[in-house]
Amino acid sequence: MEKFMYKKSFLEKIGKWFFIALFVVIIIYFSSRIFNFISGPRIKIYSPVPGQIIKSDTYIITGNVQNAKTIKINGKEINIDQKGDFKEEIIIKAPYTLIVIDAVDKYGKTKQQTMQVGKE
């Protein structure tokens, strides 16, 4: 009796690796989406730094938010660009001003950052 040896064609070998690679890409994609859902929005303030003394009556606050749909500074909703950067002028009152930044992502998770700056 003659044994028939089945040899896989080149396309069958490539097809197997293609589906493995596709599966890995799908896992990585959904892992990043789940991480964004779990972590919620992130806020980074570039200026002013907490505790900074400001000489003028107004100051431009700048920063960046990630995974945020809306952002508010002291209750006022502000615009963010596609990269998440924002810039907003705030009024500084003596002896100090409390700045409250609220960010909300598309899943309803919130993040709040509070800082205090002084006025000379």
PDB file of N, CA and C in Angstrom:
ATOM      1  N   MET A   1       0.835  -1.169   0.000  1.00  0.00           N
ATOM      2  CA  MET A   1       0.000   0.000   0.000  1.00  0.00           C
ATOM      3  C   MET A   1       0.886   1.241   0.000  1.00  0.00           C
ATOM      4  N   GLU A   2       0.545   2.106  -0.861  1.00  0.00           N
ATOM      5  CA  GLU A   2       1.359   3.296  -1.035  1.00  0.00           C
ATOM      6  C   GLU A   2       0.835   4.420  -0.135  1.00  0.00           C
ATOM      7  N   LYS A   3       1.751   5.057   0.601  1.00  0.00           N
ATOM      8  CA  LYS A   3       1.354   6.170   1.472  1.00  0.00           C
ATOM      9  C   LYS A   3       1.374   7.460   0.666  1.00  0.00           C
ATOM     10  N   PHE A   4       0.307   8.180   0.825  1.00  0.00           N
ATOM     11  CA  PHE A   4       0.223   9.462   0.131  1.00  0.00           C
ATOM     12  C   PHE A   4       0.620  10.565   1.112  1.00  0.00           C
ATOM     13  N   MET A   5       1.664  11.252   0.814  1.00  0.00           N
ATOM     14  CA  MET A   5       2.145  12.341   1.663  1.00  0.00           C
ATOM     15  C   MET A   5       1.536  13.658   1.153  1.00  0.00           C
ATOM     16  N   TYR A   6       0.810  14.295   2.034  1.00  0.00           N
ATOM     17  CA  TYR A   6       0.201  15.579   1.694  1.00  0.00           C
ATOM     18  C   TYR A   6       1.166  16.684   2.069  1.00  0.00           C
ATOM     19  N   LYS A   7       1.548  17.452   1.097  1.00  0.00           N
ATOM     20  CA  LYS A   7       2.434  18.576   1.353  1.00  0.00           C
ATOM     21  C   LYS A   7       1.612  19.863   1.234  1.00  0.00           C
ATOM     22  N   LYS A   8       1.819  20.745   2.212  1.00  0.00           N
ATOM     23  CA  LYS A   8       1.088  22.007   2.191  1.00  0.00           C
ATOM     24  C   LYS A   8       1.663  22.910   1.115  1.00  0.00           C
ATOM     25  N   SER A   9       0.783  23.541   0.435  1.00  0.00           N
ATOM     26  CA  SER A   9       1.229  24.471  -0.592  1.00  0.00           C
ATOM     27  C   SER A   9       1.690  25.771   0.074  1.00  0.00           C
ATOM     28  N   PHE A  10       2.398  26.548  -0.677  1.00  0.00           N
ATOM     29  CA  PHE A  10       2.910  27.822  -0.189  1.00  0.00           C
ATOM     30  C   PHE A  10       1.770  28.726   0.255  1.00  0.00           C
ATOM     31  N   LEU A  11       0.667  28.746  -0.479  1.00  0.00           N
ATOM     32  CA  LEU A  11      -0.470  29.603  -0.124  1.00  0.00           C
ATOM     33  C   LEU A  11      -1.126  29.171   1.181  1.00  0.00           C
ATOM     34  N   GLU A  12      -1.174  27.886   1.444  1.00  0.00           N
ATOM     35  CA  GLU A  12      -1.738  27.421   2.714  1.00  0.00           C
ATOM     36  C   GLU A  12      -0.869  27.850   3.886  1.00  0.00           C
ATOM     37  N   LYS A  13       0.441  27.815   3.713  1.00  0.00           N
ATOM     38  CA  LYS A  13       1.361  28.250   4.777  1.00  0.00           C
ATOM     39  C   LYS A  13       1.209  29.751   5.034  1.00  0.00           C
ATOM     40  N   ILE A  14       1.132  30.518   3.956  1.00  0.00           N
ATOM     41  CA  ILE A  14       0.972  31.967   4.094  1.00  0.00           C
ATOM     42  C   ILE A  14      -0.374  32.282   4.739  1.00  0.00           C
ATOM     43  N   GLY A  15      -1.411  31.572   4.356  1.00  0.00           N
ATOM     44  CA  GLY A  15      -2.740  31.797   4.915  1.00  0.00           C
ATOM     45  C   GLY A  15      -2.764  31.596   6.419  1.00  0.00           C
ATOM     46  N   LYS A  16      -2.084  30.581   6.902  1.00  0.00           N
ATOM     47  CA  LYS A  16      -2.013  30.307   8.343  1.00  0.00           C
ATOM     48  C   LYS A  16      -1.354  31.473   9.074  1.00  0.00           C
ATOM     49  N   TRP A  17      -0.234  31.956   8.568  1.00  0.00           N
ATOM     50  CA  TRP A  17       0.473  33.070   9.222  1.00  0.00           C
ATOM     51  C   TRP A  17      -0.312  34.373   9.110  1.00  0.00           C
ATOM     52  N   PHE A  18      -1.036  34.533   8.016  1.00  0.00           N
ATOM     53  CA  PHE A  18      -1.867  35.723   7.862  1.00  0.00           C
ATOM     54  C   PHE A  18      -2.936  35.779   8.950  1.00  0.00           C
ATOM     55  N   PHE A  19      -3.605  34.672   9.202  1.00  0.00           N
ATOM     56  CA  PHE A  19      -4.649  34.653  10.223  1.00  0.00           C
ATOM     57  C   PHE A  19      -4.071  34.809  11.634  1.00  0.00           C
ATOM     58  N   ILE A  20      -2.892  34.294  11.869  1.00  0.00           N
ATOM     59  CA  ILE A  20      -2.239  34.496  13.169  1.00  0.00           C
ATOM     60  C   ILE A  20      -1.901  35.973  13.353  1.00  0.00           C
ATOM     61  N   ALA A  21      -1.330  36.602  12.321  1.00  0.00           N
ATOM     62  CA  ALA A  21      -0.989  38.030  12.400  1.00  0.00           C
ATOM     63  C   ALA A  21      -2.248  38.875  12.569  1.00  0.00           C
ATOM     64  N   LEU A  22      -3.309  38.538  11.857  1.00  0.00           N
ATOM     65  CA  LEU A  22      -4.569  39.268  11.983  1.00  0.00           C
ATOM     66  C   LEU A  22      -5.128  39.153  13.394  1.00  0.00           C
ATOM     67  N   PHE A  23      -5.057  37.978  13.969  1.00  0.00           N
ATOM     68  CA  PHE A  23      -5.524  37.757  15.336  1.00  0.00           C
ATOM     69  C   PHE A  23      -4.726  38.604  16.328  1.00  0.00           C
ATOM     70  N   VAL A  24      -3.409  38.672  16.163  1.00  0.00           N
ATOM     71  CA  VAL A  24      -2.558  39.477  17.053  1.00  0.00           C
ATOM     72  C   VAL A  24      -2.911  40.958  16.926  1.00  0.00           C
ATOM     73  N   VAL A  25      -3.120  41.442  15.712  1.00  0.00           N
ATOM     74  CA  VAL A  25      -3.480  42.852  15.506  1.00  0.00           C
ATOM     75  C   VAL A  25      -4.817  43.164  16.174  1.00  0.00           C
ATOM     76  N   ILE A  26      -5.775  42.277  16.050  1.00  0.00           N
ATOM     77  CA  ILE A  26      -7.084  42.485  16.673  1.00  0.00           C
ATOM     78  C   ILE A  26      -6.954  42.519  18.192  1.00  0.00           C
ATOM     79  N   ILE A  27      -6.161  41.634  18.760  1.00  0.00           N
ATOM     80  CA  ILE A  27      -5.944  41.620  20.216  1.00  0.00           C
ATOM     81  C   ILE A  27      -5.299  42.922  20.674  1.00  0.00           C
ATOM     82  N   ILE A  28      -4.290  43.397  19.959  1.00  0.00           N
ATOM     83  CA  ILE A  28      -3.613  44.653  20.333  1.00  0.00           C
ATOM     84  C   ILE A  28      -4.587  45.826  20.240  1.00  0.00           C
ATOM     85  N   TYR A  29      -5.387  45.875  19.182  1.00  0.00           N
ATOM     86  CA  TYR A  29      -6.342  46.970  19.016  1.00  0.00           C
ATOM     87  C   TYR A  29      -7.349  47.009  20.172  1.00  0.00           C
ATOM     88  N   PHE A  30      -7.963  45.875  20.473  1.00  0.00           N
ATOM     89  CA  PHE A  30      -8.961  45.855  21.539  1.00  0.00           C
ATOM     90  C   PHE A  30      -8.338  46.085  22.908  1.00  0.00           C
ATOM     91  N   SER A  31      -7.098  45.676  23.099  1.00  0.00           N
ATOM     92  CA  SER A  31      -6.411  45.954  24.368  1.00  0.00           C
ATOM     93  C   SER A  31      -6.225  47.454  24.563  1.00  0.00           C
ATOM     94  N   SER A  32      -5.854  48.171  23.494  1.00  0.00           N
ATOM     95  CA  SER A  32      -5.685  49.618  23.614  1.00  0.00           C
ATOM     96  C   SER A  32      -7.015  50.308  23.871  1.00  0.00           C
ATOM     97  N   ARG A  33      -8.091  49.836  23.248  1.00  0.00           N
ATOM     98  CA  ARG A  33      -9.412  50.417  23.479  1.00  0.00           C
ATOM     99  C   ARG A  33      -9.870  50.185  24.915  1.00  0.00           C
ATOM    100  N   ILE A  34      -9.620  48.995  25.427  1.00  0.00           N
ATOM    101  CA  ILE A  34      -9.993  48.688  26.803  1.00  0.00           C
ATOM    102  C   ILE A  34      -9.176  49.541  27.766  1.00  0.00           C
ATOM    103  N   PHE A  35      -7.875  49.744  27.477  1.00  0.00           N
ATOM    104  CA  PHE A  35      -7.039  50.587  28.333  1.00  0.00           C
ATOM    105  C   PHE A  35      -7.578  52.014  28.364  1.00  0.00           C
ATOM    106  N   ASN A  36      -7.969  52.560  27.199  1.00  0.00           N
ATOM    107  CA  ASN A  36      -8.535  53.913  27.162  1.00  0.00           C
ATOM    108  C   ASN A  36      -9.833  53.984  27.952  1.00  0.00           C
ATOM    109  N   PHE A  37     -10.646  52.935  27.895  1.00  0.00           N
ATOM    110  CA  PHE A  37     -11.895  52.911  28.641  1.00  0.00           C
ATOM    111  C   PHE A  37     -11.632  52.875  30.141  1.00  0.00           C
ATOM    112  N   ILE A  38     -10.683  52.071  30.570  1.00  0.00           N
ATOM    113  CA  ILE A  38     -10.391  51.917  31.998  1.00  0.00           C
ATOM    114  C   ILE A  38      -9.695  53.152  32.554  1.00  0.00           C
ATOM    115  N   SER A  39      -8.743  53.715  31.812  1.00  0.00           N
ATOM    116  CA  SER A  39      -7.937  54.819  32.342  1.00  0.00           C
ATOM    117  C   SER A  39      -8.690  56.140  32.384  1.00  0.00           C
ATOM    118  N   GLY A  40      -9.653  56.352  31.492  1.00  0.00           N
ATOM    119  CA  GLY A  40     -10.387  57.610  31.475  1.00  0.00           C
ATOM    120  C   GLY A  40      -9.533  58.744  30.933  1.00  0.00           C
ATOM    121  N   PRO A  41      -9.994  59.980  31.092  1.00  0.00           N
ATOM    122  CA  PRO A  41      -9.240  61.112  30.555  1.00  0.00           C
ATOM    123  C   PRO A  41      -7.980  61.398  31.368  1.00  0.00           C
ATOM    124  N   ARG A  42      -6.991  61.977  30.689  1.00  0.00           N
ATOM    125  CA  ARG A  42      -5.738  62.383  31.338  1.00  0.00           C
ATOM    126  C   ARG A  42      -5.526  63.872  31.077  1.00  0.00           C
ATOM    127  N   ILE A  43      -5.107  64.593  32.115  1.00  0.00           N
ATOM    128  CA  ILE A  43      -4.915  66.045  32.024  1.00  0.00           C
ATOM    129  C   ILE A  43      -3.447  66.356  32.318  1.00  0.00           C
ATOM    130  N   LYS A  44      -2.853  67.183  31.456  1.00  0.00           N
ATOM    131  CA  LYS A  44      -1.487  67.654  31.694  1.00  0.00           C
ATOM    132  C   LYS A  44      -1.479  69.170  31.511  1.00  0.00           C
ATOM    133  N   ILE A  45      -1.038  69.894  32.545  1.00  0.00           N
ATOM    134  CA  ILE A  45      -0.984  71.357  32.512  1.00  0.00           C
ATOM    135  C   ILE A  45       0.461  71.777  32.247  1.00  0.00           C
ATOM    136  N   TYR A  46       0.659  72.602  31.195  1.00  0.00           N
ATOM    137  CA  TYR A  46       1.993  73.111  30.886  1.00  0.00           C
ATOM    138  C   TYR A  46       2.298  74.389  31.664  1.00  0.00           C
ATOM    139  N   SER A  47       1.329  75.297  31.707  1.00  0.00           N
ATOM    140  CA  SER A  47       1.520  76.526  32.478  1.00  0.00           C
ATOM    141  C   SER A  47       0.149  77.037  32.900  1.00  0.00           C
ATOM    142  N   PRO A  48       0.021  77.628  34.060  1.00  0.00           N
ATOM    143  CA  PRO A  48       1.059  77.912  35.050  1.00  0.00           C
ATOM    144  C   PRO A  48       1.355  76.663  35.886  1.00  0.00           C
ATOM    145  N   VAL A  49       2.463  76.718  36.588  1.00  0.00           N
ATOM    146  CA  VAL A  49       2.779  75.631  37.505  1.00  0.00           C
ATOM    147  C   VAL A  49       2.076  75.904  38.828  1.00  0.00           C
ATOM    148  N   PRO A  50       1.702  74.873  39.564  1.00  0.00           N
ATOM    149  CA  PRO A  50       1.014  75.089  40.848  1.00  0.00           C
ATOM    150  C   PRO A  50       1.848  75.970  41.786  1.00  0.00           C
ATOM    151  N   GLY A  51       1.180  76.950  42.394  1.00  0.00           N
ATOM    152  CA  GLY A  51       1.854  77.842  43.329  1.00  0.00           C
ATOM    153  C   GLY A  51       2.562  79.017  42.673  1.00  0.00           C
ATOM    154  N   GLN A  52       2.513  79.112  41.366  1.00  0.00           N
ATOM    155  CA  GLN A  52       3.188  80.195  40.662  1.00  0.00           C
ATOM    156  C   GLN A  52       2.583  81.537  41.053  1.00  0.00           C
ATOM    157  N   ILE A  53       3.431  82.562  41.194  1.00  0.00           N
ATOM    158  CA  ILE A  53       2.979  83.928  41.480  1.00  0.00           C
ATOM    159  C   ILE A  53       2.893  84.682  40.160  1.00  0.00           C
ATOM    160  N   ILE A  54       1.711  85.256  39.905  1.00  0.00           N
ATOM    161  CA  ILE A  54       1.455  85.940  38.639  1.00  0.00           C
ATOM    162  C   ILE A  54       1.265  87.425  38.916  1.00  0.00           C
ATOM    163  N   LYS A  55       1.915  88.252  38.094  1.00  0.00           N
ATOM    164  CA  LYS A  55       1.868  89.698  38.316  1.00  0.00           C
ATOM    165  C   LYS A  55       0.684  90.371  37.646  1.00  0.00           C
ATOM    166  N   SER A  56       0.205  89.834  36.527  1.00  0.00           N
ATOM    167  CA  SER A  56      -0.885  90.485  35.790  1.00  0.00           C
ATOM    168  C   SER A  56      -2.248  90.012  36.290  1.00  0.00           C
ATOM    169  N   ASP A  57      -3.301  90.675  35.793  1.00  0.00           N
ATOM    170  CA  ASP A  57      -4.669  90.322  36.184  1.00  0.00           C
ATOM    171  C   ASP A  57      -5.199  89.106  35.428  1.00  0.00           C
ATOM    172  N   THR A  58      -4.618  88.815  34.273  1.00  0.00           N
ATOM    173  CA  THR A  58      -5.042  87.653  33.484  1.00  0.00           C
ATOM    174  C   THR A  58      -3.835  86.783  33.173  1.00  0.00           C
ATOM    175  N   TYR A  59      -4.121  85.540  32.856  1.00  0.00           N
ATOM    176  CA  TYR A  59      -3.051  84.603  32.529  1.00  0.00           C
ATOM    177  C   TYR A  59      -3.617  83.570  31.557  1.00  0.00           C
ATOM    178  N   ILE A  60      -2.779  83.138  30.621  1.00  0.00           N
ATOM    179  CA  ILE A  60      -3.182  82.099  29.666  1.00  0.00           C
ATOM    180  C   ILE A  60      -2.763  80.751  30.227  1.00  0.00           C
ATOM    181  N   ILE A  61      -3.742  79.893  30.479  1.00  0.00           N
ATOM    182  CA  ILE A  61      -3.462  78.541  30.948  1.00  0.00           C
ATOM    183  C   ILE A  61      -3.387  77.632  29.716  1.00  0.00           C
ATOM    184  N   THR A  62      -2.327  76.810  29.647  1.00  0.00           N
ATOM    185  CA  THR A  62      -2.147  75.903  28.518  1.00  0.00           C
ATOM    186  C   THR A  62      -1.932  74.488  29.035  1.00  0.00           C
ATOM    187  N   GLY A  63      -2.356  73.538  28.234  1.00  0.00           N
ATOM    188  CA  GLY A  63      -2.189  72.145  28.618  1.00  0.00           C
ATOM    189  C   GLY A  63      -2.673  71.206  27.540  1.00  0.00           C
ATOM    190  N   ASN A  64      -2.804  69.947  27.921  1.00  0.00           N
ATOM    191  CA  ASN A  64      -3.224  68.909  26.995  1.00  0.00           C
ATOM    192  C   ASN A  64      -4.097  67.905  27.733  1.00  0.00           C
ATOM    193  N   VAL A  65      -5.111  67.402  27.055  1.00  0.00           N
ATOM    194  CA  VAL A  65      -5.953  66.336  27.593  1.00  0.00           C
ATOM    195  C   VAL A  65      -5.977  65.194  26.590  1.00  0.00           C
ATOM    196  N   GLN A  66      -5.994  63.988  27.105  1.00  0.00           N
ATOM    197  CA  GLN A  66      -6.101  62.797  26.266  1.00  0.00           C
ATOM    198  C   GLN A  66      -7.378  62.058  26.646  1.00  0.00           C
ATOM    199  N   ASN A  67      -7.999  61.443  25.684  1.00  0.00           N
ATOM    200  CA  ASN A  67      -9.228  60.661  25.878  1.00  0.00           C
ATOM    201  C   ASN A  67     -10.358  61.508  26.465  1.00  0.00           C
ATOM    202  N   ALA A  68     -10.422  62.775  26.119  1.00  0.00           N
ATOM    203  CA  ALA A  68     -11.462  63.651  26.672  1.00  0.00           C
ATOM    204  C   ALA A  68     -12.378  64.155  25.563  1.00  0.00           C
ATOM    205  N   LYS A  69     -13.656  64.151  25.859  1.00  0.00           N
ATOM    206  CA  LYS A  69     -14.648  64.697  24.935  1.00  0.00           C
ATOM    207  C   LYS A  69     -14.873  66.174  25.240  1.00  0.00           C
ATOM    208  N   THR A  70     -14.982  66.515  26.526  1.00  0.00           N
ATOM    209  CA  THR A  70     -15.163  67.907  26.926  1.00  0.00           C
ATOM    210  C   THR A  70     -14.211  68.231  28.070  1.00  0.00           C
ATOM    211  N   ILE A  71     -13.888  69.520  28.178  1.00  0.00           N
ATOM    212  CA  ILE A  71     -13.041  69.999  29.267  1.00  0.00           C
ATOM    213  C   ILE A  71     -13.600  71.336  29.745  1.00  0.00           C
ATOM    214  N   LYS A  72     -13.586  71.518  31.049  1.00  0.00           N
ATOM    215  CA  LYS A  72     -14.038  72.767  31.658  1.00  0.00           C
ATOM    216  C   LYS A  72     -12.954  73.297  32.581  1.00  0.00           C
ATOM    217  N   ILE A  73     -12.780  74.609  32.557  1.00  0.00           N
ATOM    218  CA  ILE A  73     -11.876  75.293  33.493  1.00  0.00           C
ATOM    219  C   ILE A  73     -12.736  76.220  34.323  1.00  0.00           C
ATOM    220  N   ASN A  74     -12.757  75.970  35.623  1.00  0.00           N
ATOM    221  CA  ASN A  74     -13.586  76.724  36.564  1.00  0.00           C
ATOM    222  C   ASN A  74     -15.038  76.786  36.095  1.00  0.00           C
ATOM    223  N   GLY A  75     -15.552  75.662  35.586  1.00  0.00           N
ATOM    224  CA  GLY A  75     -16.942  75.558  35.189  1.00  0.00           C
ATOM    225  C   GLY A  75     -17.255  76.028  33.785  1.00  0.00           C
ATOM    226  N   LYS A  76     -16.299  76.622  33.089  1.00  0.00           N
ATOM    227  CA  LYS A  76     -16.526  77.124  31.739  1.00  0.00           C
ATOM    228  C   LYS A  76     -15.949  76.129  30.726  1.00  0.00           C
ATOM    229  N   GLU A  77     -16.804  75.649  29.824  1.00  0.00           N
ATOM    230  CA  GLU A  77     -16.338  74.697  28.808  1.00  0.00           C
ATOM    231  C   GLU A  77     -15.439  75.409  27.809  1.00  0.00           C
ATOM    232  N   ILE A  78     -14.321  74.772  27.495  1.00  0.00           N
ATOM    233  CA  ILE A  78     -13.372  75.375  26.559  1.00  0.00           C
ATOM    234  C   ILE A  78     -13.143  74.433  25.380  1.00  0.00           C
ATOM    235  N   ASN A  79     -12.574  74.988  24.324  1.00  0.00           N
ATOM    236  CA  ASN A  79     -12.300  74.218  23.117  1.00  0.00           C
ATOM    237  C   ASN A  79     -10.946  73.526  23.221  1.00  0.00           C
ATOM    238  N   ILE A  80     -10.882  72.332  22.650  1.00  0.00           N
ATOM    239  CA  ILE A  80      -9.613  71.622  22.529  1.00  0.00           C
ATOM    240  C   ILE A  80      -9.420  71.278  21.058  1.00  0.00           C
ATOM    241  N   ASP A  81      -8.151  71.253  20.613  1.00  0.00           N
ATOM    242  CA  ASP A  81      -7.909  70.893  19.218  1.00  0.00           C
ATOM    243  C   ASP A  81      -7.852  69.374  19.066  1.00  0.00           C
ATOM    244  N   GLN A  82      -7.566  68.916  17.853  1.00  0.00           N
ATOM    245  CA  GLN A  82      -7.583  67.482  17.578  1.00  0.00           C
ATOM    246  C   GLN A  82      -6.494  66.727  18.333  1.00  0.00           C
ATOM    247  N   LYS A  83      -5.410  67.409  18.687  1.00  0.00           N
ATOM    248  CA  LYS A  83      -4.337  66.776  19.451  1.00  0.00           C
ATOM    249  C   LYS A  83      -4.641  66.758  20.948  1.00  0.00           C
ATOM    250  N   GLY A  84      -5.683  67.494  21.364  1.00  0.00           N
ATOM    251  CA  GLY A  84      -6.038  67.572  22.778  1.00  0.00           C
ATOM    252  C   GLY A  84      -5.463  68.791  23.474  1.00  0.00           C
ATOM    253  N   ASP A  85      -4.775  69.666  22.738  1.00  0.00           N
ATOM    254  CA  ASP A  85      -4.189  70.864  23.339  1.00  0.00           C
ATOM    255  C   ASP A  85      -5.269  71.915  23.583  1.00  0.00           C
ATOM    256  N   PHE A  86      -5.068  72.687  24.645  1.00  0.00           N
ATOM    257  CA  PHE A  86      -5.996  73.777  24.940  1.00  0.00           C
ATOM    258  C   PHE A  86      -5.223  74.983  25.431  1.00  0.00           C
ATOM    259  N   LYS A  87      -5.871  76.145  25.275  1.00  0.00           N
ATOM    260  CA  LYS A  87      -5.308  77.421  25.712  1.00  0.00           C
ATOM    261  C   LYS A  87      -6.488  78.303  26.070  1.00  0.00           C
ATOM    262  N   GLU A  88      -6.494  78.824  27.298  1.00  0.00           N
ATOM    263  CA  GLU A  88      -7.623  79.641  27.746  1.00  0.00           C
ATOM    264  C   GLU A  88      -7.110  80.732  28.682  1.00  0.00           C
ATOM    265  N   GLU A  89      -7.657  81.935  28.511  1.00  0.00           N
ATOM    266  CA  GLU A  89      -7.291  83.050  29.377  1.00  0.00           C
ATOM    267  C   GLU A  89      -8.173  83.011  30.620  1.00  0.00           C
ATOM    268  N   ILE A  90      -7.525  83.147  31.790  1.00  0.00           N
ATOM    269  CA  ILE A  90      -8.272  83.165  33.047  1.00  0.00           C
ATOM    270  C   ILE A  90      -7.934  84.444  33.805  1.00  0.00           C
ATOM    271  N   ILE A  91      -8.829  84.860  34.678  1.00  0.00           N
ATOM    272  CA  ILE A  91      -8.626  86.050  35.502  1.00  0.00           C
ATOM    273  C   ILE A  91      -8.017  85.615  36.827  1.00  0.00           C
ATOM    274  N   ILE A  92      -6.967  86.301  37.228  1.00  0.00           N
ATOM    275  CA  ILE A  92      -6.269  86.003  38.476  1.00  0.00           C
ATOM    276  C   ILE A  92      -6.686  87.039  39.511  1.00  0.00           C
ATOM    277  N   LYS A  93      -7.128  86.571  40.681  1.00  0.00           N
ATOM    278  CA  LYS A  93      -7.567  87.458  41.754  1.00  0.00           C
ATOM    279  C   LYS A  93      -6.626  87.315  42.944  1.00  0.00           C
ATOM    280  N   ALA A  94      -6.448  88.420  43.671  1.00  0.00           N
ATOM    281  CA  ALA A  94      -5.593  88.408  44.861  1.00  0.00           C
ATOM    282  C   ALA A  94      -6.360  87.794  46.019  1.00  0.00           C
ATOM    283  N   PRO A  95      -5.776  87.146  46.949  1.00  0.00           N
ATOM    284  CA  PRO A  95      -4.362  86.794  47.052  1.00  0.00           C
ATOM    285  C   PRO A  95      -4.014  85.531  46.260  1.00  0.00           C
ATOM    286  N   TYR A  96      -5.018  84.709  45.948  1.00  0.00           N
ATOM    287  CA  TYR A  96      -4.741  83.525  45.129  1.00  0.00           C
ATOM    288  C   TYR A  96      -5.996  83.136  44.352  1.00  0.00           C
ATOM    289  N   THR A  97      -5.797  82.337  43.318  1.00  0.00           N
ATOM    290  CA  THR A  97      -6.903  81.834  42.509  1.00  0.00           C
ATOM    291  C   THR A  97      -6.811  80.320  42.451  1.00  0.00           C
ATOM    292  N   LEU A  98      -7.920  79.683  42.647  1.00  0.00           N
ATOM    293  CA  LEU A  98      -8.011  78.235  42.551  1.00  0.00           C
ATOM    294  C   LEU A  98      -8.488  77.890  41.137  1.00  0.00           C
ATOM    295  N   ILE A  99      -7.720  77.059  40.444  1.00  0.00           N
ATOM    296  CA  ILE A  99      -8.069  76.651  39.083  1.00  0.00           C
ATOM    297  C   ILE A  99      -8.503  75.187  39.132  1.00  0.00           C
ATOM    298  N   VAL A 100      -9.735  74.925  38.685  1.00  0.00           N
ATOM    299  CA  VAL A 100     -10.277  73.568  38.674  1.00  0.00           C
ATOM    300  C   VAL A 100     -10.508  73.165  37.218  1.00  0.00           C
ATOM    301  N   ILE A 101      -9.869  72.087  36.819  1.00  0.00           N
ATOM    302  CA  ILE A 101      -9.994  71.587  35.449  1.00  0.00           C
ATOM    303  C   ILE A 101     -10.708  70.246  35.498  1.00  0.00           C
ATOM    304  N   ASP A 102     -11.829  70.156  34.785  1.00  0.00           N
ATOM    305  CA  ASP A 102     -12.618  68.923  34.706  1.00  0.00           C
ATOM    306  C   ASP A 102     -12.602  68.416  33.277  1.00  0.00           C
ATOM    307  N   ALA A 103     -12.314  67.118  33.100  1.00  0.00           N
ATOM    308  CA  ALA A 103     -12.352  66.492  31.781  1.00  0.00           C
ATOM    309  C   ALA A 103     -13.288  65.290  31.836  1.00  0.00           C
ATOM    310  N   VAL A 104     -14.069  65.115  30.777  1.00  0.00           N
ATOM    311  CA  VAL A 104     -15.007  64.001  30.679  1.00  0.00           C
ATOM    312  C   VAL A 104     -14.743  63.281  29.359  1.00  0.00           C
ATOM    313  N   ASP A 105     -14.630  61.945  29.416  1.00  0.00           N
ATOM    314  CA  ASP A 105     -14.434  61.189  28.178  1.00  0.00           C
ATOM    315  C   ASP A 105     -15.764  60.751  27.584  1.00  0.00           C
ATOM    316  N   LYS A 106     -15.712  60.079  26.455  1.00  0.00           N
ATOM    317  CA  LYS A 106     -16.952  59.696  25.765  1.00  0.00           C
ATOM    318  C   LYS A 106     -17.719  58.604  26.490  1.00  0.00           C
ATOM    319  N   TYR A 107     -17.100  57.970  27.492  1.00  0.00           N
ATOM    320  CA  TYR A 107     -17.788  56.949  28.280  1.00  0.00           C
ATOM    321  C   TYR A 107     -18.375  57.517  29.567  1.00  0.00           C
ATOM    322  N   GLY A 108     -18.185  58.835  29.811  1.00  0.00           N
ATOM    323  CA  GLY A 108     -18.728  59.474  30.994  1.00  0.00           C
ATOM    324  C   GLY A 108     -17.779  59.480  32.184  1.00  0.00           C
ATOM    325  N   LYS A 109     -16.586  58.939  32.032  1.00  0.00           N
ATOM    326  CA  LYS A 109     -15.611  58.967  33.127  1.00  0.00           C
ATOM    327  C   LYS A 109     -15.040  60.382  33.236  1.00  0.00           C
ATOM    328  N   THR A 110     -14.829  60.816  34.475  1.00  0.00           N
ATOM    329  CA  THR A 110     -14.338  62.171  34.704  1.00  0.00           C
ATOM    330  C   THR A 110     -12.990  62.148  35.404  1.00  0.00           C
ATOM    331  N   LYS A 111     -12.266  63.227  35.198  1.00  0.00           N
ATOM    332  CA  LYS A 111     -10.987  63.443  35.881  1.00  0.00           C
ATOM    333  C   LYS A 111     -10.949  64.916  36.251  1.00  0.00           C
ATOM    334  N   GLN A 112     -10.521  65.207  37.465  1.00  0.00           N
ATOM    335  CA  GLN A 112     -10.446  66.594  37.911  1.00  0.00           C
ATOM    336  C   GLN A 112      -9.046  66.877  38.425  1.00  0.00           C
ATOM    337  N   GLN A 113      -8.533  68.034  38.045  1.00  0.00           N
ATOM    338  CA  GLN A 113      -7.234  68.483  38.534  1.00  0.00           C
ATOM    339  C   GLN A 113      -7.404  69.896  39.076  1.00  0.00           C
ATOM    340  N   THR A 114      -6.895  70.119  40.274  1.00  0.00           N
ATOM    341  CA  THR A 114      -7.018  71.415  40.929  1.00  0.00           C
ATOM    342  C   THR A 114      -5.629  71.970  41.213  1.00  0.00           C
ATOM    343  N   MET A 115      -5.475  73.258  40.990  1.00  0.00           N
ATOM    344  CA  MET A 115      -4.206  73.922  41.302  1.00  0.00           C
ATOM    345  C   MET A 115      -4.475  75.329  41.779  1.00  0.00           C
ATOM    346  N   GLN A 116      -3.512  75.877  42.483  1.00  0.00           N
ATOM    347  CA  GLN A 116      -3.643  77.216  43.050  1.00  0.00           C
ATOM    348  C   GLN A 116      -2.495  78.069  42.537  1.00  0.00           C
ATOM    349  N   VAL A 117      -2.814  79.304  42.104  1.00  0.00           N
ATOM    350  CA  VAL A 117      -1.797  80.264  41.723  1.00  0.00           C
ATOM    351  C   VAL A 117      -2.023  81.549  42.502  1.00  0.00           C
ATOM    352  N   GLY A 118      -0.959  82.249  42.793  1.00  0.00           N
ATOM    353  CA  GLY A 118      -1.053  83.486  43.563  1.00  0.00           C
ATOM    354  C   GLY A 118      -0.965  84.704  42.684  1.00  0.00           C
ATOM    355  N   LYS A 119      -1.385  85.840  43.242  1.00  0.00           N
ATOM    356  CA  LYS A 119      -1.281  87.116  42.529  1.00  0.00           C
ATOM    357  C   LYS A 119      -0.433  88.051  43.361  1.00  0.00           C
ATOM    358  N   GLU A 120       0.498  88.659  42.689  1.00  0.00           N
ATOM    359  CA  GLU A 120       1.420  89.593  43.362  1.00  0.00           C
ATOM    360  C   GLU A 120       0.759  90.932  43.596  1.00  0.00           C
TER     361      GLU A 120
END
